[in-house]
Amino acid sequence: MFGIQHYDAFLLACIALNLTPGLDTFYILARSGREGHAVGLGAALGINAGCVVHTLAAVLGLSALLMTSALAFAVLKYLGAAYLVWIGLRMLFSRRHARAPTQTRGTGFAAAFRQGMLTNVLNPKVALFYLAFLPQFVSLHAAHPQLGLLVLGASFIGTGLTWSLVLAMAGGRIHRLLQRRPQVGQWMDRVCGIVLLGFGLKLALQQRG
């Protein structure tokens, strides 16, 4: 009824895509390695919440706007790039020893969730990916193709969330090691900041094609 085709191939493609290292992988490892697996969980949930937004946008046809409008694509792209650069700079110039235990701005579960969601939602390439990838596995002649897209989107999110949780737990182990070596943690912040700056610049230079 939903018109889904080759669902097994779709799931295999989802797993392969989720295992491919990218911004989401790095962000979850960075947050969980920096603040523990609970904060990494917030980052993982935030990123996958962004995927929910992209799925709904693909179903409603909003993602098509990014494909047809150069202005809409550019606006979202530069907003996303600026946000990544801002996060990168904060990590690059952070001072662990000066951070009070009660300070929560930019840290903690809620901040990781919010930042993870925004980095995902503000990436126009993710929106275009959903628009180009999901319809390949749904028949346009189905009675309710939108429901098919929703099922596929939920399946992609399910596989992605599973892998994200694995990454969050792995990052938590790194965090426990860094707690015993705060100087290493300071350098990790700087490296993570530089990498996020790189992702921001890469996003800013991306084209719609």
N, C-alpha and C. Protein backbone atom coordinates (compact mmCIF):
# COMPACT_ATOMS: atom_id res chain seq x y z
N MET A 1 0.83 -1.21 0.00
CA MET A 1 0.00 0.00 0.00
C MET A 1 0.87 1.26 0.00
N PHE A 2 2.01 1.19 0.67
CA PHE A 2 2.89 2.35 0.75
C PHE A 2 3.78 2.49 -0.47
N GLY A 3 3.85 1.44 -1.28
CA GLY A 3 4.64 1.51 -2.50
C GLY A 3 6.13 1.39 -2.30
N ILE A 4 6.57 0.85 -1.15
CA ILE A 4 8.00 0.71 -0.88
C ILE A 4 8.57 -0.44 -1.70
N GLN A 5 9.70 -0.19 -2.34
CA GLN A 5 10.36 -1.19 -3.18
C GLN A 5 11.78 -1.44 -2.69
N HIS A 6 12.21 -2.71 -2.75
CA HIS A 6 13.59 -3.09 -2.41
C HIS A 6 13.97 -2.56 -1.01
N TYR A 7 13.13 -2.88 -0.05
CA TYR A 7 13.36 -2.38 1.31
C TYR A 7 14.66 -2.93 1.91
N ASP A 8 14.98 -4.19 1.58
CA ASP A 8 16.21 -4.77 2.11
C ASP A 8 17.44 -4.04 1.60
N ALA A 9 17.42 -3.67 0.31
CA ALA A 9 18.54 -2.91 -0.24
C ALA A 9 18.61 -1.52 0.39
N PHE A 10 17.45 -0.95 0.68
CA PHE A 10 17.42 0.36 1.33
C PHE A 10 18.07 0.30 2.70
N LEU A 11 17.76 -0.74 3.49
CA LEU A 11 18.33 -0.85 4.82
C LEU A 11 19.85 -1.03 4.76
N LEU A 12 20.32 -1.83 3.82
CA LEU A 12 21.76 -2.02 3.66
C LEU A 12 22.44 -0.70 3.31
N ALA A 13 21.80 0.07 2.43
CA ALA A 13 22.35 1.37 2.06
C ALA A 13 22.37 2.32 3.26
N CYS A 14 21.33 2.26 4.08
CA CYS A 14 21.28 3.10 5.28
C CYS A 14 22.43 2.78 6.23
N ILE A 15 22.66 1.49 6.45
CA ILE A 15 23.73 1.07 7.35
C ILE A 15 25.08 1.53 6.83
N ALA A 16 25.29 1.36 5.52
CA ALA A 16 26.57 1.77 4.93
C ALA A 16 26.76 3.28 5.06
N LEU A 17 25.71 4.03 4.83
CA LEU A 17 25.80 5.49 4.92
C LEU A 17 26.06 5.94 6.36
N ASN A 18 25.41 5.30 7.30
CA ASN A 18 25.59 5.68 8.70
C ASN A 18 27.00 5.35 9.19
N LEU A 19 27.58 4.29 8.67
CA LEU A 19 28.92 3.90 9.09
C LEU A 19 30.01 4.77 8.47
N THR A 20 29.65 5.51 7.42
CA THR A 20 30.62 6.38 6.77
C THR A 20 30.90 7.60 7.65
N PRO A 21 32.15 7.82 8.06
CA PRO A 21 32.45 8.96 8.95
C PRO A 21 32.12 10.30 8.30
N GLY A 22 31.55 11.19 9.09
CA GLY A 22 31.22 12.53 8.61
C GLY A 22 31.04 13.46 9.79
N LEU A 23 30.38 14.58 9.54
CA LEU A 23 30.18 15.58 10.59
C LEU A 23 29.44 15.01 11.79
N ASP A 24 28.36 14.26 11.54
CA ASP A 24 27.57 13.72 12.64
C ASP A 24 28.41 12.80 13.52
N THR A 25 29.17 11.91 12.89
CA THR A 25 30.03 10.99 13.63
C THR A 25 31.02 11.76 14.50
N PHE A 26 31.67 12.74 13.90
CA PHE A 26 32.67 13.50 14.62
C PHE A 26 32.05 14.29 15.76
N TYR A 27 30.89 14.90 15.52
CA TYR A 27 30.27 15.73 16.54
C TYR A 27 29.89 14.91 17.77
N ILE A 28 29.33 13.72 17.55
CA ILE A 28 28.93 12.88 18.68
C ILE A 28 30.16 12.45 19.48
N LEU A 29 31.21 12.03 18.79
CA LEU A 29 32.43 11.61 19.48
C LEU A 29 33.07 12.78 20.23
N ALA A 30 33.03 13.96 19.62
CA ALA A 30 33.62 15.14 20.25
C ALA A 30 32.87 15.50 21.53
N ARG A 31 31.54 15.52 21.47
CA ARG A 31 30.76 15.91 22.65
C ARG A 31 30.84 14.86 23.76
N SER A 32 30.74 13.59 23.39
CA SER A 32 30.80 12.55 24.42
C SER A 32 32.21 12.40 24.97
N GLY A 33 33.22 12.58 24.14
CA GLY A 33 34.59 12.52 24.63
C GLY A 33 34.92 13.69 25.54
N ARG A 34 34.27 14.81 25.29
CA ARG A 34 34.53 16.03 26.06
C ARG A 34 33.77 16.05 27.38
N GLU A 35 32.52 15.54 27.37
CA GLU A 35 31.66 15.68 28.54
C GLU A 35 31.00 14.39 29.02
N GLY A 36 31.28 13.26 28.38
CA GLY A 36 30.72 12.01 28.84
C GLY A 36 29.62 11.47 27.95
N HIS A 37 29.27 10.20 28.17
CA HIS A 37 28.32 9.55 27.27
C HIS A 37 26.91 10.13 27.37
N ALA A 38 26.53 10.69 28.53
CA ALA A 38 25.19 11.27 28.66
C ALA A 38 25.03 12.48 27.74
N VAL A 39 26.08 13.31 27.66
CA VAL A 39 26.04 14.46 26.75
C VAL A 39 26.13 13.98 25.30
N GLY A 40 26.91 12.92 25.07
CA GLY A 40 26.95 12.33 23.73
C GLY A 40 25.59 11.82 23.31
N LEU A 41 24.83 11.30 24.27
CA LEU A 41 23.46 10.87 23.97
C LEU A 41 22.62 12.05 23.52
N GLY A 42 22.80 13.20 24.19
CA GLY A 42 22.07 14.41 23.77
C GLY A 42 22.42 14.80 22.35
N ALA A 43 23.71 14.73 22.00
CA ALA A 43 24.14 15.05 20.64
C ALA A 43 23.52 14.08 19.64
N ALA A 44 23.51 12.78 19.98
CA ALA A 44 22.96 11.76 19.09
C ALA A 44 21.46 12.00 18.86
N LEU A 45 20.73 12.27 19.94
CA LEU A 45 19.30 12.51 19.81
C LEU A 45 19.02 13.79 19.03
N GLY A 46 19.86 14.82 19.24
CA GLY A 46 19.67 16.07 18.51
C GLY A 46 19.86 15.89 17.01
N ILE A 47 20.91 15.18 16.63
CA ILE A 47 21.18 14.94 15.22
C ILE A 47 20.03 14.17 14.57
N ASN A 48 19.54 13.16 15.26
CA ASN A 48 18.45 12.37 14.69
C ASN A 48 17.12 13.13 14.72
N ALA A 49 16.98 14.07 15.66
CA ALA A 49 15.81 14.95 15.61
C ALA A 49 15.86 15.82 14.36
N GLY A 50 17.08 16.23 13.98
CA GLY A 50 17.23 16.96 12.73
C GLY A 50 16.83 16.12 11.54
N CYS A 51 17.14 14.82 11.59
CA CYS A 51 16.74 13.91 10.51
C CYS A 51 15.22 13.79 10.42
N VAL A 52 14.54 13.87 11.57
CA VAL A 52 13.07 13.87 11.55
C VAL A 52 12.56 15.09 10.78
N VAL A 53 13.19 16.24 11.03
CA VAL A 53 12.80 17.46 10.32
C VAL A 53 13.00 17.30 8.82
N HIS A 54 14.13 16.74 8.41
CA HIS A 54 14.41 16.54 6.99
C HIS A 54 13.44 15.54 6.36
N THR A 55 13.08 14.51 7.10
CA THR A 55 12.11 13.54 6.58
C THR A 55 10.77 14.19 6.32
N LEU A 56 10.30 14.98 7.29
CA LEU A 56 9.02 15.67 7.11
C LEU A 56 9.09 16.67 5.96
N ALA A 57 10.24 17.34 5.83
CA ALA A 57 10.40 18.30 4.74
C ALA A 57 10.36 17.59 3.39
N ALA A 58 10.97 16.41 3.30
CA ALA A 58 10.95 15.66 2.05
C ALA A 58 9.53 15.22 1.71
N VAL A 59 8.78 14.78 2.73
CA VAL A 59 7.41 14.34 2.50
C VAL A 59 6.53 15.50 2.05
N LEU A 60 6.73 16.65 2.66
CA LEU A 60 5.91 17.82 2.34
C LEU A 60 6.38 18.55 1.09
N GLY A 61 7.53 18.17 0.57
CA GLY A 61 8.04 18.80 -0.64
C GLY A 61 8.85 20.05 -0.39
N LEU A 62 9.13 20.37 0.89
CA LEU A 62 9.89 21.58 1.18
C LEU A 62 11.34 21.46 0.73
N SER A 63 11.87 20.24 0.73
CA SER A 63 13.26 20.05 0.31
C SER A 63 13.44 20.41 -1.17
N ALA A 64 12.35 20.27 -1.94
CA ALA A 64 12.43 20.60 -3.37
C ALA A 64 12.75 22.08 -3.57
N LEU A 65 12.36 22.90 -2.60
CA LEU A 65 12.65 24.33 -2.69
C LEU A 65 14.15 24.59 -2.72
N LEU A 66 14.90 23.82 -1.94
CA LEU A 66 16.35 23.98 -1.92
C LEU A 66 16.98 23.58 -3.24
N MET A 67 16.35 22.64 -3.93
CA MET A 67 16.88 22.19 -5.20
C MET A 67 16.59 23.19 -6.31
N THR A 68 15.48 23.90 -6.22
CA THR A 68 15.08 24.80 -7.28
C THR A 68 15.46 26.26 -7.01
N SER A 69 15.70 26.59 -5.75
CA SER A 69 16.00 27.99 -5.41
C SER A 69 17.44 28.13 -4.95
N ALA A 70 18.23 28.81 -5.74
CA ALA A 70 19.64 29.05 -5.38
C ALA A 70 19.73 29.92 -4.13
N LEU A 71 18.81 30.86 -3.98
CA LEU A 71 18.84 31.75 -2.81
C LEU A 71 18.56 30.98 -1.53
N ALA A 72 17.52 30.12 -1.54
CA ALA A 72 17.18 29.34 -0.35
C ALA A 72 18.33 28.42 0.03
N PHE A 73 18.95 27.81 -0.96
CA PHE A 73 20.08 26.92 -0.69
C PHE A 73 21.24 27.70 -0.07
N ALA A 74 21.53 28.87 -0.64
CA ALA A 74 22.66 29.67 -0.16
C ALA A 74 22.43 30.16 1.27
N VAL A 75 21.21 30.61 1.55
CA VAL A 75 20.90 31.12 2.89
C VAL A 75 21.08 30.03 3.93
N LEU A 76 20.50 28.84 3.67
CA LEU A 76 20.62 27.75 4.63
C LEU A 76 22.07 27.29 4.75
N LYS A 77 22.77 27.25 3.63
CA LYS A 77 24.16 26.80 3.64
C LYS A 77 25.03 27.71 4.50
N TYR A 78 24.90 29.02 4.31
CA TYR A 78 25.76 29.94 5.06
C TYR A 78 25.37 30.02 6.53
N LEU A 79 24.09 29.84 6.83
CA LEU A 79 23.69 29.78 8.24
C LEU A 79 24.32 28.56 8.91
N GLY A 80 24.26 27.43 8.23
CA GLY A 80 24.85 26.22 8.78
C GLY A 80 26.35 26.33 8.92
N ALA A 81 27.02 26.91 7.92
CA ALA A 81 28.47 27.07 7.98
C ALA A 81 28.87 28.00 9.12
N ALA A 82 28.13 29.10 9.26
CA ALA A 82 28.44 30.05 10.33
C ALA A 82 28.26 29.41 11.70
N TYR A 83 27.23 28.58 11.84
CA TYR A 83 26.98 27.92 13.12
C TYR A 83 28.10 26.94 13.46
N LEU A 84 28.56 26.19 12.47
CA LEU A 84 29.67 25.25 12.70
C LEU A 84 30.95 26.00 13.07
N VAL A 85 31.20 27.10 12.39
CA VAL A 85 32.39 27.89 12.69
C VAL A 85 32.30 28.44 14.11
N TRP A 86 31.14 28.88 14.51
CA TRP A 86 30.95 29.43 15.86
C TRP A 86 31.22 28.35 16.92
N ILE A 87 30.67 27.14 16.71
CA ILE A 87 30.93 26.05 17.66
C ILE A 87 32.41 25.71 17.68
N GLY A 88 33.04 25.66 16.49
CA GLY A 88 34.45 25.34 16.40
C GLY A 88 35.32 26.34 17.13
N LEU A 89 35.01 27.61 17.00
CA LEU A 89 35.78 28.65 17.68
C LEU A 89 35.62 28.56 19.19
N ARG A 90 34.43 28.26 19.65
CA ARG A 90 34.21 28.12 21.10
C ARG A 90 35.03 26.97 21.66
N MET A 91 35.09 25.86 20.92
CA MET A 91 35.89 24.73 21.39
C MET A 91 37.38 25.02 21.28
N LEU A 92 37.76 25.72 20.22
CA LEU A 92 39.17 26.01 19.99
C LEU A 92 39.74 26.89 21.10
N PHE A 93 38.95 27.85 21.57
CA PHE A 93 39.45 28.80 22.56
C PHE A 93 38.90 28.55 23.96
N SER A 94 38.31 27.36 24.16
CA SER A 94 37.78 27.05 25.49
C SER A 94 38.92 26.80 26.46
N ARG A 95 38.63 27.00 27.75
CA ARG A 95 39.62 26.75 28.80
C ARG A 95 38.98 25.85 29.83
N ARG A 96 39.38 24.61 29.82
CA ARG A 96 38.78 23.65 30.74
C ARG A 96 38.99 24.02 32.19
N HIS A 97 40.19 24.46 32.53
CA HIS A 97 40.49 24.72 33.94
C HIS A 97 39.72 25.92 34.48
N ALA A 98 39.22 26.80 33.57
CA ALA A 98 38.50 27.99 34.01
C ALA A 98 36.99 27.78 34.04
N ARG A 99 36.54 26.61 33.63
CA ARG A 99 35.11 26.38 33.55
C ARG A 99 34.57 25.96 34.90
N ALA A 100 33.67 26.72 35.46
CA ALA A 100 33.10 26.38 36.76
C ALA A 100 32.19 25.17 36.64
N PRO A 101 32.09 24.36 37.71
CA PRO A 101 31.25 23.16 37.64
C PRO A 101 29.79 23.46 37.36
N THR A 102 29.31 24.64 37.78
CA THR A 102 27.90 24.95 37.59
C THR A 102 27.63 25.64 36.26
N GLN A 103 28.68 25.92 35.49
CA GLN A 103 28.48 26.62 34.21
C GLN A 103 27.90 25.65 33.20
N THR A 104 26.79 26.00 32.58
CA THR A 104 26.13 25.09 31.65
C THR A 104 25.97 25.68 30.27
N ARG A 105 26.26 26.93 30.07
CA ARG A 105 26.08 27.54 28.77
C ARG A 105 27.03 26.89 27.75
N GLY A 106 26.46 26.30 26.70
CA GLY A 106 27.26 25.66 25.67
C GLY A 106 27.69 24.26 26.04
N THR A 107 27.35 23.80 27.25
CA THR A 107 27.71 22.46 27.66
C THR A 107 26.47 21.74 28.17
N GLY A 108 26.60 20.44 28.39
CA GLY A 108 25.49 19.68 28.94
C GLY A 108 24.60 19.06 27.88
N PHE A 109 23.66 18.24 28.37
CA PHE A 109 22.77 17.47 27.50
C PHE A 109 21.95 18.37 26.57
N ALA A 110 21.30 19.40 27.15
CA ALA A 110 20.43 20.25 26.35
C ALA A 110 21.18 20.99 25.27
N ALA A 111 22.37 21.51 25.61
CA ALA A 111 23.17 22.22 24.61
C ALA A 111 23.62 21.29 23.50
N ALA A 112 24.03 20.06 23.87
CA ALA A 112 24.47 19.10 22.86
C ALA A 112 23.32 18.72 21.94
N PHE A 113 22.13 18.56 22.52
CA PHE A 113 20.94 18.24 21.71
C PHE A 113 20.64 19.38 20.74
N ARG A 114 20.62 20.59 21.26
CA ARG A 114 20.30 21.75 20.43
C ARG A 114 21.31 21.94 19.31
N GLN A 115 22.59 21.86 19.65
CA GLN A 115 23.62 22.06 18.64
C GLN A 115 23.60 20.94 17.61
N GLY A 116 23.40 19.70 18.06
CA GLY A 116 23.34 18.58 17.13
C GLY A 116 22.19 18.72 16.15
N MET A 117 21.04 19.13 16.65
CA MET A 117 19.87 19.30 15.79
C MET A 117 20.09 20.42 14.78
N LEU A 118 20.64 21.55 15.25
CA LEU A 118 20.84 22.69 14.35
C LEU A 118 21.89 22.40 13.28
N THR A 119 22.98 21.72 13.65
CA THR A 119 24.00 21.40 12.64
C THR A 119 23.42 20.51 11.56
N ASN A 120 22.47 19.65 11.92
CA ASN A 120 21.85 18.77 10.94
C ASN A 120 20.80 19.51 10.10
N VAL A 121 19.93 20.26 10.76
CA VAL A 121 18.85 20.96 10.06
C VAL A 121 19.40 22.03 9.11
N LEU A 122 20.49 22.70 9.52
CA LEU A 122 21.04 23.79 8.72
C LEU A 122 22.01 23.32 7.64
N ASN A 123 22.04 22.04 7.37
CA ASN A 123 22.88 21.51 6.30
C ASN A 123 22.00 21.20 5.09
N PRO A 124 22.02 22.04 4.05
CA PRO A 124 21.13 21.82 2.91
C PRO A 124 21.44 20.54 2.15
N LYS A 125 22.68 20.06 2.23
CA LYS A 125 23.04 18.83 1.55
C LYS A 125 22.28 17.64 2.13
N VAL A 126 22.00 17.68 3.43
CA VAL A 126 21.23 16.61 4.05
C VAL A 126 19.81 16.63 3.53
N ALA A 127 19.24 17.82 3.40
CA ALA A 127 17.88 17.95 2.87
C ALA A 127 17.80 17.42 1.43
N LEU A 128 18.78 17.77 0.61
CA LEU A 128 18.79 17.31 -0.77
C LEU A 128 19.01 15.80 -0.84
N PHE A 129 19.79 15.26 0.10
CA PHE A 129 20.01 13.82 0.14
C PHE A 129 18.68 13.11 0.38
N TYR A 130 17.90 13.58 1.34
CA TYR A 130 16.61 12.95 1.62
C TYR A 130 15.70 13.02 0.40
N LEU A 131 15.70 14.16 -0.28
CA LEU A 131 14.84 14.34 -1.43
C LEU A 131 15.25 13.43 -2.58
N ALA A 132 16.56 13.19 -2.74
CA ALA A 132 17.05 12.39 -3.85
C ALA A 132 17.06 10.90 -3.53
N PHE A 133 17.30 10.54 -2.25
CA PHE A 133 17.51 9.14 -1.88
C PHE A 133 16.21 8.40 -1.62
N LEU A 134 15.35 8.94 -0.77
CA LEU A 134 14.15 8.22 -0.36
C LEU A 134 13.21 7.88 -1.53
N PRO A 135 12.93 8.82 -2.45
CA PRO A 135 11.97 8.51 -3.53
C PRO A 135 12.40 7.36 -4.43
N GLN A 136 13.69 7.01 -4.45
CA GLN A 136 14.14 5.90 -5.30
C GLN A 136 13.55 4.57 -4.87
N PHE A 137 13.08 4.50 -3.62
CA PHE A 137 12.57 3.24 -3.08
C PHE A 137 11.06 3.26 -2.87
N VAL A 138 10.38 4.22 -3.47
CA VAL A 138 8.93 4.32 -3.36
C VAL A 138 8.34 4.49 -4.75
N SER A 139 7.35 3.69 -5.07
CA SER A 139 6.68 3.80 -6.37
C SER A 139 5.81 5.05 -6.40
N LEU A 140 5.96 5.82 -7.45
CA LEU A 140 5.14 7.03 -7.60
C LEU A 140 3.68 6.70 -7.87
N HIS A 141 3.41 5.45 -8.21
CA HIS A 141 2.03 5.03 -8.52
C HIS A 141 1.34 4.44 -7.30
N ALA A 142 2.00 4.47 -6.15
CA ALA A 142 1.39 3.93 -4.94
C ALA A 142 0.22 4.81 -4.50
N ALA A 143 -0.68 4.19 -3.75
CA ALA A 143 -1.85 4.93 -3.27
C ALA A 143 -1.45 6.06 -2.33
N HIS A 144 -0.47 5.80 -1.49
CA HIS A 144 -0.03 6.81 -0.52
C HIS A 144 1.50 6.84 -0.46
N PRO A 145 2.15 7.40 -1.47
CA PRO A 145 3.62 7.43 -1.48
C PRO A 145 4.21 8.23 -0.32
N GLN A 146 3.46 9.23 0.19
CA GLN A 146 3.98 10.02 1.31
C GLN A 146 4.19 9.14 2.54
N LEU A 147 3.28 8.19 2.75
CA LEU A 147 3.44 7.28 3.89
C LEU A 147 4.66 6.39 3.68
N GLY A 148 4.92 6.01 2.43
CA GLY A 148 6.11 5.23 2.14
C GLY A 148 7.37 6.00 2.47
N LEU A 149 7.38 7.28 2.12
CA LEU A 149 8.53 8.12 2.44
C LEU A 149 8.72 8.25 3.95
N LEU A 150 7.61 8.34 4.68
CA LEU A 150 7.70 8.43 6.13
C LEU A 150 8.30 7.15 6.73
N VAL A 151 7.86 5.99 6.21
CA VAL A 151 8.38 4.71 6.71
C VAL A 151 9.88 4.61 6.42
N LEU A 152 10.29 5.00 5.21
CA LEU A 152 11.71 4.94 4.87
C LEU A 152 12.52 5.92 5.71
N GLY A 153 11.98 7.12 5.91
CA GLY A 153 12.67 8.10 6.73
C GLY A 153 12.84 7.61 8.16
N ALA A 154 11.78 6.99 8.70
CA ALA A 154 11.85 6.45 10.06
C ALA A 154 12.87 5.31 10.14
N SER A 155 12.95 4.51 9.09
CA SER A 155 13.92 3.41 9.06
C SER A 155 15.34 3.94 9.03
N PHE A 156 15.56 4.97 8.23
CA PHE A 156 16.89 5.58 8.16
C PHE A 156 17.28 6.17 9.52
N ILE A 157 16.33 6.82 10.17
CA ILE A 157 16.58 7.41 11.48
C ILE A 157 16.86 6.31 12.50
N GLY A 158 16.14 5.18 12.40
CA GLY A 158 16.35 4.08 13.33
C GLY A 158 17.75 3.51 13.25
N THR A 159 18.24 3.28 12.03
CA THR A 159 19.60 2.76 11.88
C THR A 159 20.63 3.81 12.30
N GLY A 160 20.35 5.07 11.98
CA GLY A 160 21.27 6.14 12.35
C GLY A 160 21.34 6.34 13.85
N LEU A 161 20.20 6.26 14.51
CA LEU A 161 20.17 6.45 15.96
C LEU A 161 20.93 5.32 16.67
N THR A 162 20.76 4.10 16.16
CA THR A 162 21.47 2.96 16.76
C THR A 162 22.98 3.17 16.71
N TRP A 163 23.48 3.57 15.54
CA TRP A 163 24.90 3.81 15.40
C TRP A 163 25.34 5.02 16.22
N SER A 164 24.51 6.03 16.30
CA SER A 164 24.84 7.22 17.09
C SER A 164 25.00 6.89 18.56
N LEU A 165 24.17 5.99 19.07
CA LEU A 165 24.27 5.59 20.47
C LEU A 165 25.56 4.82 20.73
N VAL A 166 25.96 4.00 19.76
CA VAL A 166 27.24 3.29 19.88
C VAL A 166 28.39 4.30 19.96
N LEU A 167 28.33 5.33 19.12
CA LEU A 167 29.37 6.35 19.12
C LEU A 167 29.39 7.11 20.45
N ALA A 168 28.20 7.40 20.98
CA ALA A 168 28.13 8.13 22.25
C ALA A 168 28.76 7.33 23.38
N MET A 169 28.52 6.03 23.40
CA MET A 169 29.11 5.19 24.44
C MET A 169 30.62 5.09 24.27
N ALA A 170 31.08 5.00 23.01
CA ALA A 170 32.52 4.95 22.76
C ALA A 170 33.18 6.25 23.19
N GLY A 171 32.54 7.38 22.90
CA GLY A 171 33.07 8.66 23.33
C GLY A 171 33.12 8.79 24.83
N GLY A 172 32.15 8.16 25.52
CA GLY A 172 32.16 8.19 26.98
C GLY A 172 33.39 7.53 27.56
N ARG A 173 33.86 6.48 26.92
CA ARG A 173 35.10 5.82 27.37
C ARG A 173 36.29 6.77 27.22
N ILE A 174 36.31 7.50 26.10
CA ILE A 174 37.38 8.48 25.89
C ILE A 174 37.34 9.55 26.99
N HIS A 175 36.11 9.97 27.35
CA HIS A 175 35.96 10.99 28.38
C HIS A 175 36.55 10.54 29.71
N ARG A 176 36.32 9.28 30.07
CA ARG A 176 36.85 8.78 31.34
C ARG A 176 38.37 8.78 31.34
N LEU A 177 38.95 8.50 30.18
CA LEU A 177 40.40 8.53 30.07
C LEU A 177 40.93 9.96 30.19
N LEU A 178 40.22 10.90 29.57
CA LEU A 178 40.67 12.29 29.57
C LEU A 178 40.52 12.95 30.94
N GLN A 179 39.60 12.44 31.75
CA GLN A 179 39.44 13.00 33.09
C GLN A 179 40.71 12.85 33.91
N ARG A 180 41.46 11.82 33.62
CA ARG A 180 42.70 11.59 34.36
C ARG A 180 43.86 12.39 33.77
N ARG A 181 43.64 12.95 32.55
CA ARG A 181 44.69 13.72 31.88
C ARG A 181 44.07 15.00 31.30
N PRO A 182 43.83 16.00 32.13
CA PRO A 182 43.15 17.22 31.68
C PRO A 182 43.89 17.95 30.57
N GLN A 183 45.23 17.88 30.55
CA GLN A 183 45.97 18.57 29.49
C GLN A 183 45.67 17.96 28.13
N VAL A 184 45.50 16.64 28.09
CA VAL A 184 45.14 15.99 26.83
C VAL A 184 43.74 16.44 26.40
N GLY A 185 42.85 16.60 27.39
CA GLY A 185 41.51 17.08 27.09
C GLY A 185 41.52 18.47 26.48
N GLN A 186 42.42 19.33 26.97
CA GLN A 186 42.53 20.68 26.41
C GLN A 186 42.94 20.63 24.95
N TRP A 187 43.89 19.76 24.63
CA TRP A 187 44.31 19.64 23.24
C TRP A 187 43.22 19.01 22.37
N MET A 188 42.45 18.12 22.96
CA MET A 188 41.33 17.53 22.23
C MET A 188 40.31 18.59 21.86
N ASP A 189 40.03 19.51 22.79
CA ASP A 189 39.13 20.62 22.49
C ASP A 189 39.63 21.42 21.29
N ARG A 190 40.92 21.68 21.26
CA ARG A 190 41.48 22.47 20.17
C ARG A 190 41.40 21.74 18.84
N VAL A 191 41.72 20.45 18.87
CA VAL A 191 41.64 19.66 17.64
C VAL A 191 40.20 19.59 17.14
N CYS A 192 39.26 19.35 18.07
CA CYS A 192 37.85 19.30 17.69
C CYS A 192 37.38 20.64 17.12
N GLY A 193 37.84 21.72 17.73
CA GLY A 193 37.48 23.05 17.23
C GLY A 193 37.97 23.27 15.82
N ILE A 194 39.21 22.86 15.55
CA ILE A 194 39.78 23.03 14.20
C ILE A 194 39.00 22.20 13.18
N VAL A 195 38.66 20.95 13.56
CA VAL A 195 37.92 20.09 12.64
C VAL A 195 36.54 20.65 12.33
N LEU A 196 35.85 21.17 13.36
CA LEU A 196 34.54 21.77 13.13
C LEU A 196 34.65 23.01 12.26
N LEU A 197 35.70 23.79 12.44
CA LEU A 197 35.94 24.92 11.55
C LEU A 197 36.09 24.44 10.12
N GLY A 198 36.81 23.33 9.95
CA GLY A 198 36.98 22.77 8.61
C GLY A 198 35.67 22.33 8.00
N PHE A 199 34.80 21.68 8.80
CA PHE A 199 33.49 21.29 8.30
C PHE A 199 32.66 22.51 7.91
N GLY A 200 32.76 23.58 8.70
CA GLY A 200 32.02 24.80 8.39
C GLY A 200 32.47 25.40 7.08
N LEU A 201 33.80 25.47 6.86
CA LEU A 201 34.32 26.02 5.61
C LEU A 201 33.94 25.13 4.43
N LYS A 202 33.98 23.82 4.63
CA LYS A 202 33.59 22.89 3.57
C LYS A 202 32.14 23.09 3.17
N LEU A 203 31.27 23.26 4.17
CA LEU A 203 29.86 23.49 3.89
C LEU A 203 29.65 24.80 3.15
N ALA A 204 30.40 25.84 3.53
CA ALA A 204 30.26 27.13 2.89
C ALA A 204 30.64 27.08 1.40
N LEU A 205 31.54 26.16 1.05
CA LEU A 205 32.02 26.06 -0.33
C LEU A 205 31.23 25.06 -1.17
N GLN A 206 30.29 24.35 -0.55
CA GLN A 206 29.53 23.34 -1.29
C GLN A 206 28.60 23.99 -2.30
N GLN A 207 28.37 23.26 -3.38
CA GLN A 207 27.45 23.69 -4.42
C GLN A 207 26.21 22.79 -4.41
N ARG A 208 25.15 23.25 -5.07
CA ARG A 208 23.91 22.48 -5.08
C ARG A 208 24.01 21.19 -5.88
N GLY A 209 24.91 21.15 -6.88
CA GLY A 209 24.96 20.03 -7.82
C GLY A 209 25.20 18.69 -7.25
